[in-house]
Every structure is written in structure tokens, then in C-alpha cells.
C-alpha atoms as a PDB file:
ATOM      1  CA  MET A   1      21.158 -18.867 -12.478  1.00  0.00           C
ATOM      2  CA  SER A   2      19.732 -16.093 -10.352  1.00  0.00           C
ATOM      3  CA  VAL A   3      16.656 -16.791  -8.245  1.00  0.00           C
ATOM      4  CA  TYR A   4      13.598 -14.679  -7.512  1.00  0.00           C
ATOM      5  CA  VAL A   5      12.723 -14.512  -3.771  1.00  0.00           C
ATOM      6  CA  TYR A   6       9.115 -14.106  -2.718  1.00  0.00           C
ATOM      7  CA  ALA A   7       9.213 -14.496   1.118  1.00  0.00           C
ATOM      8  CA  ILE A   8      10.825 -15.921   4.237  1.00  0.00           C
ATOM      9  CA  THR A   9       9.028 -18.183   6.652  1.00  0.00           C
ATOM     10  CA  LYS A  10       9.810 -20.303   9.654  1.00  0.00           C
ATOM     11  CA  ALA A  11      10.671 -23.949   9.089  1.00  0.00           C
ATOM     12  CA  SER A  12       7.350 -24.903  10.800  1.00  0.00           C
ATOM     13  CA  HIS A  13       5.271 -23.133   8.133  1.00  0.00           C
ATOM     14  CA  PRO A  14       3.105 -25.659   6.194  1.00  0.00           C
ATOM     15  CA  LEU A  15       4.181 -24.081   2.786  1.00  0.00           C
ATOM     16  CA  ARG A  16       1.069 -25.174   0.870  1.00  0.00           C
ATOM     17  CA  LEU A  17       2.074 -23.942  -2.538  1.00  0.00           C
ATOM     18  CA  ASP A  18       1.356 -26.919  -4.759  1.00  0.00           C
ATOM     19  CA  ASP A  19      -1.112 -25.052  -6.983  1.00  0.00           C
ATOM     20  CA  VAL A  20       0.657 -21.713  -6.985  1.00  0.00           C
ATOM     21  CA  THR A  21       2.975 -20.526  -9.756  1.00  0.00           C
ATOM     22  CA  GLY A  22       5.486 -17.694  -9.898  1.00  0.00           C
ATOM     23  CA  VAL A  23       6.412 -14.781 -12.027  1.00  0.00           C
ATOM     24  CA  GLY A  24       7.353 -15.049 -15.657  1.00  0.00           C
ATOM     25  CA  ASP A  25       5.762 -16.299 -18.893  1.00  0.00           C
ATOM     26  CA  PRO A  26       5.421 -19.225 -18.720  1.00  0.00           C
ATOM     27  CA  PRO A  27       5.046 -18.982 -14.951  1.00  0.00           C
ATOM     28  CA  ALA A  28       8.052 -20.139 -12.979  1.00  0.00           C
ATOM     29  CA  GLU A  29       7.802 -23.260 -10.642  1.00  0.00           C
ATOM     30  CA  ILE A  30       7.837 -22.335  -6.940  1.00  0.00           C
ATOM     31  CA  ARG A  31      10.316 -24.078  -4.727  1.00  0.00           C
ATOM     32  CA  VAL A  32      11.774 -23.740  -1.242  1.00  0.00           C
ATOM     33  CA  VAL A  33      15.348 -23.153   0.003  1.00  0.00           C
ATOM     34  CA  PRO A  34      15.798 -24.623   3.542  1.00  0.00           C
ATOM     35  CA  GLY A  35      17.881 -22.987   6.176  1.00  0.00           C
ATOM     36  CA  ASP A  36      18.475 -23.939   9.871  1.00  0.00           C
ATOM     37  CA  SER A  37      15.265 -22.534  11.150  1.00  0.00           C
ATOM     38  CA  LEU A  38      13.880 -20.610   8.178  1.00  0.00           C
ATOM     39  CA  ARG A  39      12.678 -21.273   4.708  1.00  0.00           C
ATOM     40  CA  ALA A  40      12.865 -19.001   1.575  1.00  0.00           C
ATOM     41  CA  VAL A  41      10.267 -19.351  -1.088  1.00  0.00           C
ATOM     42  CA  ILE A  42      11.873 -18.821  -4.555  1.00  0.00           C
ATOM     43  CA  SER A  43      11.692 -19.543  -8.214  1.00  0.00           C
ATOM     44  CA  GLU A  44      14.013 -19.174 -11.151  1.00  0.00           C
ATOM     45  CA  THR A  45      14.265 -15.577 -12.264  1.00  0.00           C
ATOM     46  CA  PRO A  46      12.608 -15.173 -15.700  1.00  0.00           C
ATOM     47  CA  GLU A  47      14.598 -13.468 -18.394  1.00  0.00           C
ATOM     48  CA  ASP A  48      11.702 -11.154 -19.198  1.00  0.00           C
ATOM     49  CA  LEU A  49      10.792 -10.112 -15.614  1.00  0.00           C
ATOM     50  CA  SER A  50       8.912  -6.824 -15.808  1.00  0.00           C
ATOM     51  CA  VAL A  51       6.457  -4.727 -13.745  1.00  0.00           C
ATOM     52  CA  SER A  52       3.521  -6.255 -15.536  1.00  0.00           C
ATOM     53  CA  ARG A  53       0.082  -6.996 -14.156  1.00  0.00           C
ATOM     54  CA  HIS A  54       0.621 -10.694 -14.488  1.00  0.00           C
ATOM     55  CA  ASP A  55       3.965 -10.706 -12.581  1.00  0.00           C
ATOM     56  CA  LEU A  56       2.716  -8.382  -9.901  1.00  0.00           C
ATOM     57  CA  GLU A  57      -0.401 -10.619  -9.371  1.00  0.00           C
ATOM     58  CA  ALA A  58       1.753 -13.692  -9.248  1.00  0.00           C
ATOM     59  CA  HIS A  59       4.084 -12.256  -6.690  1.00  0.00           C
ATOM     60  CA  HIS A  60       1.066 -11.045  -4.600  1.00  0.00           C
ATOM     61  CA  GLU A  61      -0.652 -14.442  -4.791  1.00  0.00           C
ATOM     62  CA  VAL A  62       2.440 -16.240  -3.343  1.00  0.00           C
ATOM     63  CA  GLY A  63       2.668 -13.824  -0.468  1.00  0.00           C
ATOM     64  CA  GLN A  64      -0.989 -13.994   0.352  1.00  0.00           C
ATOM     65  CA  ARG A  65      -1.122 -17.784   0.149  1.00  0.00           C
ATOM     66  CA  LEU A  66       1.751 -18.084   2.600  1.00  0.00           C
ATOM     67  CA  TRP A  67       0.443 -15.460   4.933  1.00  0.00           C
ATOM     68  CA  ALA A  68      -2.957 -17.244   5.102  1.00  0.00           C
ATOM     69  CA  ASP A  69      -1.211 -20.181   6.779  1.00  0.00           C
ATOM     70  CA  GLY A  70       1.114 -18.345   9.173  1.00  0.00           C
ATOM     71  CA  PRO A  71       3.464 -15.455   9.681  1.00  0.00           C
ATOM     72  CA  VAL A  72       5.602 -14.527   6.702  1.00  0.00           C
ATOM     73  CA  LEU A  73       8.190 -11.935   5.737  1.00  0.00           C
ATOM     74  CA  PRO A  74       6.952 -10.985   2.225  1.00  0.00           C
ATOM     75  CA  LEU A  75       9.620  -9.356   0.025  1.00  0.00           C
ATOM     76  CA  SER A  76       8.812  -6.446  -2.245  1.00  0.00           C
ATOM     77  CA  PHE A  77       8.340  -7.206  -5.946  1.00  0.00           C
ATOM     78  CA  GLY A  78      11.541  -7.745  -7.897  1.00  0.00           C
ATOM     79  CA  PHE A  79      13.882  -9.126  -5.256  1.00  0.00           C
ATOM     80  CA  VAL A  80      16.520 -11.214  -7.017  1.00  0.00           C
ATOM     81  CA  ALA A  81      19.458 -13.104  -5.454  1.00  0.00           C
ATOM     82  CA  GLN A  82      22.531 -14.425  -7.187  1.00  0.00           C
ATOM     83  CA  ASP A  83      21.731 -18.064  -6.377  1.00  0.00           C
ATOM     84  CA  GLU A  84      20.413 -20.388  -3.610  1.00  0.00           C
ATOM     85  CA  ASP A  85      23.603 -20.183  -1.722  1.00  0.00           C
ATOM     86  CA  ALA A  86      23.335 -16.475  -1.504  1.00  0.00           C
ATOM     87  CA  VAL A  87      19.786 -16.864  -0.063  1.00  0.00           C
ATOM     88  CA  ARG A  88      21.006 -19.419   2.562  1.00  0.00           C
ATOM     89  CA  ALA A  89      23.802 -17.061   3.518  1.00  0.00           C
ATOM     90  CA  VAL A  90      21.312 -14.215   4.206  1.00  0.00           C
ATOM     91  CA  MET A  91      19.067 -16.479   6.279  1.00  0.00           C
ATOM     92  CA  GLU A  92      22.081 -17.709   8.251  1.00  0.00           C
ATOM     93  CA  GLU A  93      23.374 -14.220   8.829  1.00  0.00           C
ATOM     94  CA  GLN A  94      20.001 -12.568   9.664  1.00  0.00           C
ATOM     95  CA  GLY A  95      18.235 -15.652  11.110  1.00  0.00           C
ATOM     96  CA  PRO A  96      17.668 -14.335  14.636  1.00  0.00           C
ATOM     97  CA  GLN A  97      16.364 -10.966  13.479  1.00  0.00           C
ATOM     98  CA  MET A  98      14.116 -12.552  10.929  1.00  0.00           C
ATOM     99  CA  ALA A  99      12.721 -15.092  13.390  1.00  0.00           C
ATOM    100  CA  GLN A 100      12.060 -12.306  15.899  1.00  0.00           C
ATOM    101  CA  ARG A 101      10.159 -10.282  13.206  1.00  0.00           C
ATOM    102  CA  LEU A 102       8.123 -13.286  12.291  1.00  0.00           C
ATOM    103  CA  ASP A 103       7.115 -13.649  15.922  1.00  0.00           C
ATOM    104  CA  GLU A 104       6.144  -9.949  16.053  1.00  0.00           C
ATOM    105  CA  LEU A 105       3.997 -10.276  12.911  1.00  0.00           C
ATOM    106  CA  THR A 106       2.119 -13.375  14.025  1.00  0.00           C
ATOM    107  CA  GLY A 107      -1.653 -12.799  14.032  1.00  0.00           C
ATOM    108  CA  ARG A 108      -1.260  -9.387  12.292  1.00  0.00           C
ATOM    109  CA  GLY A 109      -1.933  -8.098   8.828  1.00  0.00           C
ATOM    110  CA  GLU A 110      -1.710  -4.947   6.704  1.00  0.00           C
ATOM    111  CA  PHE A 111      -4.454  -2.589   5.580  1.00  0.00           C
ATOM    112  CA  ASN A 112      -3.854   0.112   2.999  1.00  0.00           C
ATOM    113  CA  VAL A 113      -5.989   3.329   2.968  1.00  0.00           C
ATOM    114  CA  LYS A 114      -5.794   5.503  -0.191  1.00  0.00           C
ATOM    115  CA  GLY A 115      -7.799   8.573  -1.058  1.00  0.00           C
ATOM    116  CA  VAL A 116      -8.500  10.228  -4.368  1.00  0.00           C
ATOM    117  CA  ALA A 117      -9.814  13.796  -3.974  1.00  0.00           C
ATOM    118  CA  GLN A 118     -12.862  14.982  -5.905  1.00  0.00           C
ATOM    119  CA  GLU A 119     -11.274  18.265  -6.895  1.00  0.00           C
ATOM    120  CA  ASP A 120     -14.422  19.758  -8.362  1.00  0.00           C
ATOM    121  CA  ALA A 121     -16.202  19.357  -5.040  1.00  0.00           C
ATOM    122  CA  LEU A 122     -13.279  20.948  -3.099  1.00  0.00           C
ATOM    123  CA  VAL A 123     -13.228  23.876  -5.506  1.00  0.00           C
ATOM    124  CA  ARG A 124     -17.054  24.402  -5.127  1.00  0.00           C
ATOM    125  CA  ALA A 125     -16.682  24.348  -1.356  1.00  0.00           C
ATOM    126  CA  GLU A 126     -13.905  26.959  -1.547  1.00  0.00           C
ATOM    127  CA  LEU A 127     -15.901  29.214  -3.820  1.00  0.00           C
ATOM    128  CA  GLU A 128     -18.870  28.991  -1.440  1.00  0.00           C
ATOM    129  CA  GLU A 129     -16.799  29.756   1.676  1.00  0.00           C
ATOM    130  CA  ASN A 130     -14.140  32.114   0.424  1.00  0.00           C
ATOM    131  CA  ASP A 131     -15.373  35.704  -0.532  1.00  0.00           C
ATOM    132  CA  GLN A 132     -12.179  36.493  -2.366  1.00  0.00           C
ATOM    133  CA  ALA A 133     -12.300  33.341  -4.470  1.00  0.00           C
ATOM    134  CA  ARG A 134     -15.960  33.883  -5.258  1.00  0.00           C
ATOM    135  CA  GLN A 135     -15.373  37.421  -6.422  1.00  0.00           C
ATOM    136  CA  LEU A 136     -12.412  36.546  -8.598  1.00  0.00           C
ATOM    137  CA  ASN A 137     -14.471  33.716 -10.079  1.00  0.00           C
ATOM    138  CA  GLU A 138     -17.288  36.016 -10.967  1.00  0.00           C
ATOM    139  CA  ARG A 139     -14.903  38.515 -12.606  1.00  0.00           C
ATOM    140  CA  THR A 140     -13.185  35.895 -14.712  1.00  0.00           C
ATOM    141  CA  ARG A 141     -16.337  33.912 -15.695  1.00  0.00           C
ATOM    142  CA  GLU A 142     -16.820  33.562 -19.385  1.00  0.00           C
ATOM    143  CA  GLY A 143     -13.418  34.955 -20.291  1.00  0.00           C
ATOM    144  CA  GLY A 144     -13.837  38.171 -18.288  1.00  0.00           C
ATOM    145  CA  GLY A 145     -11.392  39.780 -15.832  1.00  0.00           C
ATOM    146  CA  SER A 146      -7.788  40.474 -16.273  1.00  0.00           C
ATOM    147  CA  TYR A 147      -4.831  38.113 -16.660  1.00  0.00           C
ATOM    148  CA  GLU A 148      -3.884  38.972 -13.125  1.00  0.00           C
ATOM    149  CA  ASP A 149      -7.331  38.036 -11.863  1.00  0.00           C
ATOM    150  CA  ARG A 150      -7.202  34.666 -13.580  1.00  0.00           C
ATOM    151  CA  LEU A 151      -3.700  33.976 -12.295  1.00  0.00           C
ATOM    152  CA  ALA A 152      -4.713  34.930  -8.764  1.00  0.00           C
ATOM    153  CA  LEU A 153      -7.851  32.733  -8.880  1.00  0.00           C
ATOM    154  CA  GLY A 154      -5.880  29.750 -10.194  1.00  0.00           C
ATOM    155  CA  GLN A 155      -3.234  30.074  -7.474  1.00  0.00           C
ATOM    156  CA  LEU A 156      -5.790  30.657  -4.738  1.00  0.00           C
ATOM    157  CA  LEU A 157      -7.876  27.622  -5.728  1.00  0.00           C
ATOM    158  CA  ALA A 158      -4.809  25.348  -6.103  1.00  0.00           C
ATOM    159  CA  GLU A 159      -3.630  26.285  -2.607  1.00  0.00           C
ATOM    160  CA  ALA A 160      -7.118  25.782  -1.245  1.00  0.00           C
ATOM    161  CA  VAL A 161      -7.432  22.324  -2.735  1.00  0.00           C
ATOM    162  CA  GLN A 162      -4.100  21.339  -1.234  1.00  0.00           C
ATOM    163  CA  ARG A 163      -5.060  22.683   2.135  1.00  0.00           C
ATOM    164  CA  ARG A 164      -8.437  20.909   2.120  1.00  0.00           C
ATOM    165  CA  GLU A 165      -6.717  17.557   1.008  1.00  0.00           C
ATOM    166  CA  GLN A 166      -4.288  17.854   3.908  1.00  0.00           C
ATOM    167  CA  ALA A 167      -7.150  18.470   6.345  1.00  0.00           C
ATOM    168  CA  LEU A 168      -9.058  15.473   4.992  1.00  0.00           C
ATOM    169  CA  ALA A 169      -6.057  13.275   5.219  1.00  0.00           C
ATOM    170  CA  GLU A 170      -5.450  14.252   8.831  1.00  0.00           C
ATOM    171  CA  GLU A 171      -9.103  13.498   9.744  1.00  0.00           C
ATOM    172  CA  ILE A 172      -9.082  10.122   7.962  1.00  0.00           C
ATOM    173  CA  LEU A 173      -5.844   8.961   9.424  1.00  0.00           C
ATOM    174  CA  ALA A 174      -6.762  10.180  12.922  1.00  0.00           C
ATOM    175  CA  ALA A 175      -9.904   8.059  12.725  1.00  0.00           C
ATOM    176  CA  VAL A 176      -8.111   4.746  12.024  1.00  0.00           C
ATOM    177  CA  ARG A 177      -4.790   5.200  13.873  1.00  0.00           C
ATOM    178  CA  PRO A 178      -6.218   4.077  17.264  1.00  0.00           C
ATOM    179  CA  LEU A 179      -7.115   0.719  15.619  1.00  0.00           C
ATOM    180  CA  ALA A 180      -3.608   0.006  14.387  1.00  0.00           C
ATOM    181  CA  LEU A 181      -0.253  -0.966  15.915  1.00  0.00           C
ATOM    182  CA  ALA A 182       1.956   0.835  13.393  1.00  0.00           C
ATOM    183  CA  GLU A 183       1.655   2.985  10.355  1.00  0.00           C
ATOM    184  CA  GLN A 184       3.739   3.539   7.169  1.00  0.00           C
ATOM    185  CA  ALA A 185       2.785   6.647   5.207  1.00  0.00           C
ATOM    186  CA  THR A 186       3.664   7.422   1.639  1.00  0.00           C
ATOM    187  CA  PRO A 187       3.914  11.159   0.736  1.00  0.00           C
ATOM    188  CA  PRO A 188       0.923  12.540  -1.161  1.00  0.00           C
ATOM    189  CA  SER A 189       1.144  12.274  -4.942  1.00  0.00           C
ATOM    190  CA  GLY A 190      -0.733  13.582  -7.878  1.00  0.00           C
ATOM    191  CA  GLN A 191      -3.033  10.603  -7.657  1.00  0.00           C
ATOM    192  CA  TYR A 192      -3.578  10.035  -3.890  1.00  0.00           C
ATOM    193  CA  PHE A 193      -3.859  12.780  -1.301  1.00  0.00           C
ATOM    194  CA  VAL A 194      -3.579  10.063   1.397  1.00  0.00           C
ATOM    195  CA  ASN A 195      -1.731   6.705   1.091  1.00  0.00           C
ATOM    196  CA  SER A 196      -0.931   4.921   4.384  1.00  0.00           C
ATOM    197  CA  SER A 197      -0.546   1.329   5.466  1.00  0.00           C
ATOM    198  CA  PHE A 198      -1.376   0.063   8.903  1.00  0.00           C
ATOM    199  CA  LEU A 199      -0.368  -3.004  10.870  1.00  0.00           C
ATOM    200  CA  VAL A 200      -3.509  -4.411  12.504  1.00  0.00           C
ATOM    201  CA  ASP A 201      -4.135  -7.219  15.048  1.00  0.00           C
ATOM    202  CA  GLU A 202      -6.309  -9.949  13.625  1.00  0.00           C
ATOM    203  CA  GLU A 203      -9.004  -9.443  16.244  1.00  0.00           C
ATOM    204  CA  ARG A 204      -9.413  -5.873  14.992  1.00  0.00           C
ATOM    205  CA  TYR A 205      -9.725  -6.665  11.220  1.00  0.00           C
ATOM    206  CA  ASP A 206     -13.490  -6.295  11.197  1.00  0.00           C
ATOM    207  CA  GLU A 207     -13.376  -3.118  13.260  1.00  0.00           C
ATOM    208  CA  PHE A 208     -10.817  -1.551  10.958  1.00  0.00           C
ATOM    209  CA  THR A 209     -12.844  -2.534   7.842  1.00  0.00           C
ATOM    210  CA  ARG A 210     -16.020  -1.023   9.329  1.00  0.00           C
ATOM    211  CA  ALA A 211     -14.171   2.209  10.167  1.00  0.00           C
ATOM    212  CA  GLY A 212     -12.872   2.428   6.592  1.00  0.00           C
ATOM    213  CA  GLU A 213     -16.354   1.903   5.205  1.00  0.00           C
ATOM    214  CA  GLN A 214     -17.832   4.533   7.426  1.00  0.00           C
ATOM    215  CA  LEU A 215     -15.128   7.004   6.447  1.00  0.00           C
ATOM    216  CA  ALA A 216     -15.764   6.317   2.755  1.00  0.00           C
ATOM    217  CA  GLU A 217     -19.483   7.015   3.248  1.00  0.00           C
ATOM    218  CA  ARG A 218     -18.812  10.168   5.321  1.00  0.00           C
ATOM    219  CA  TYR A 219     -16.420  11.796   2.844  1.00  0.00           C
ATOM    220  CA  GLY A 220     -17.947  10.354  -0.361  1.00  0.00           C
ATOM    221  CA  GLU A 221     -18.829  13.789  -1.783  1.00  0.00           C
ATOM    222  CA  THR A 222     -15.237  15.145  -1.511  1.00  0.00           C
ATOM    223  CA  ALA A 223     -13.073  12.027  -1.816  1.00  0.00           C
ATOM    224  CA  GLU A 224     -13.011   8.407  -3.005  1.00  0.00           C
ATOM    225  CA  LEU A 225     -11.487   6.231  -0.276  1.00  0.00           C
ATOM    226  CA  ARG A 226     -10.004   2.862  -1.164  1.00  0.00           C
ATOM    227  CA  LEU A 227      -9.416   0.263   1.616  1.00  0.00           C
ATOM    228  CA  ARG A 228      -7.457  -2.955   0.886  1.00  0.00           C
ATOM    229  CA  GLY A 229      -6.823  -5.642   3.456  1.00  0.00           C
ATOM    230  CA  PRO A 230      -6.103  -7.632   5.389  1.00  0.00           C
ATOM    231  CA  LEU A 231      -2.863  -8.315   3.412  1.00  0.00           C
ATOM    232  CA  ALA A 232       0.528  -9.843   4.062  1.00  0.00           C
ATOM    233  CA  PRO A 233       2.489  -7.106   5.905  1.00  0.00           C
ATOM    234  CA  TYR A 234       4.724  -5.984   3.097  1.00  0.00           C
ATOM    235  CA  SER A 235       5.124  -2.463   4.517  1.00  0.00           C
ATOM    236  CA  PHE A 236       6.267  -3.786   7.922  1.00  0.00           C
ATOM    237  CA  VAL A 237       9.124  -6.123   7.017  1.00  0.00           C
END
């Protein structure tokens, strides 16, 4: 039977997982596959594995519990191996690289910074500062103006919102980058104009958190900033 793999740790990790359950319904029992110097945390793969809230939370809980007790290589959700022998083979083949990465991640965690733009506020700012946009808006108000005017206004405001989101993202990221060791950025989406993960030393967790809170307050009228962390370093494995 295939196995679901949550994470890789060193053999010295305490692996305190007695009260943690895995993915699936009913939740799968967590167990450990030993290697020479590493351990893999696994469970049976459920037949109905899906990207559900329950399974995502179960996967996250295992990674967080392990990370709280020592360095861990947390795998992304949905990693399935053919069987335990396949897991052992990977640990044997990649053991030195995995051990080195575990050493590099010791005492470090991940923070995620996401931003949701308040588009109405960005549009208002553009109308206040851009004469052309303001004039087009006045001409098209209450159904007035030509089709060309409405098209031009829509295009102008869409470009302005994108430009302002890019500027906001650059300001936000520039403020926290000096506090981090590494960054993994996700391209902007329809939901988030900024979505980046940072690898941070443990002694800077509080400083990074305060910086995120200050940024959220500073840009509160134009964007909603969401800071999560410290987390197991999923983005840096």
C-alpha cells in the first residue's frame, strides 16, 4: 500500500507525535520509517485523499509539531510514495544532502506575507492625483460620456491599480527583506498583490512580527496585510 509522507527529520529528533493523527477520514495513524541517520514521518495513504480543510490542517499540524522540537524537512501537501522501501531508498540516496539542509534550517522558521489590495481606495487615490482620470470620470458619471470615454477610463484605472499595487509590494518587501535570510516569492494573483515567504532566524522572530504589524497599520487604508509565522520552513526545503 502507498504511504503518505509528511516530513524528514534526523534520527536524533524526539518525534513526539503520540497525540497527532494524519490525513484521511478516519484520520490515519502516524508512524516512522527509520533510515541510517534520518527518519521519515508517514501514514497510510487514504483512498479519499483530497485538498480538504481537514486534510490540509492535519498535514500542517504534523509539520508544526515536528518543527517545534527540532529542524525538519516538511514536505508539501500530497506527497505519496509507493511504499516504505521507496521512502528508505530516497533517504539513503539523498541522506547527505538532507542532513546538510536540516543543519542549515536549525533555529530558523518561515514567515509568509500576503497582501490584499483595497481597490476602491487605490482608485480614489488615482482620481485625486490624475487629472485625466478625474476628467474622464466626471464625463462618464451617471451614464454620461461616450463609449470611448468609458473604455479609456476603465483601462486607465486598471493600469493605475496595477501600478500602485506593484509599488506597494516593493515597499512592503523592501521593509522586511533585511530581517530575513532568504525569500521565496509567488507571482501576484487576482487575490494577492504580494505573496512572499521569508526564512528568518529564531532570534529575529519578534522583530519580523513587529515589522509586519507596523506595515499592516501603515498601509491599512490601501491594503490588508496578512502575516503568518513562524512556521515550519515549507518554502525552503
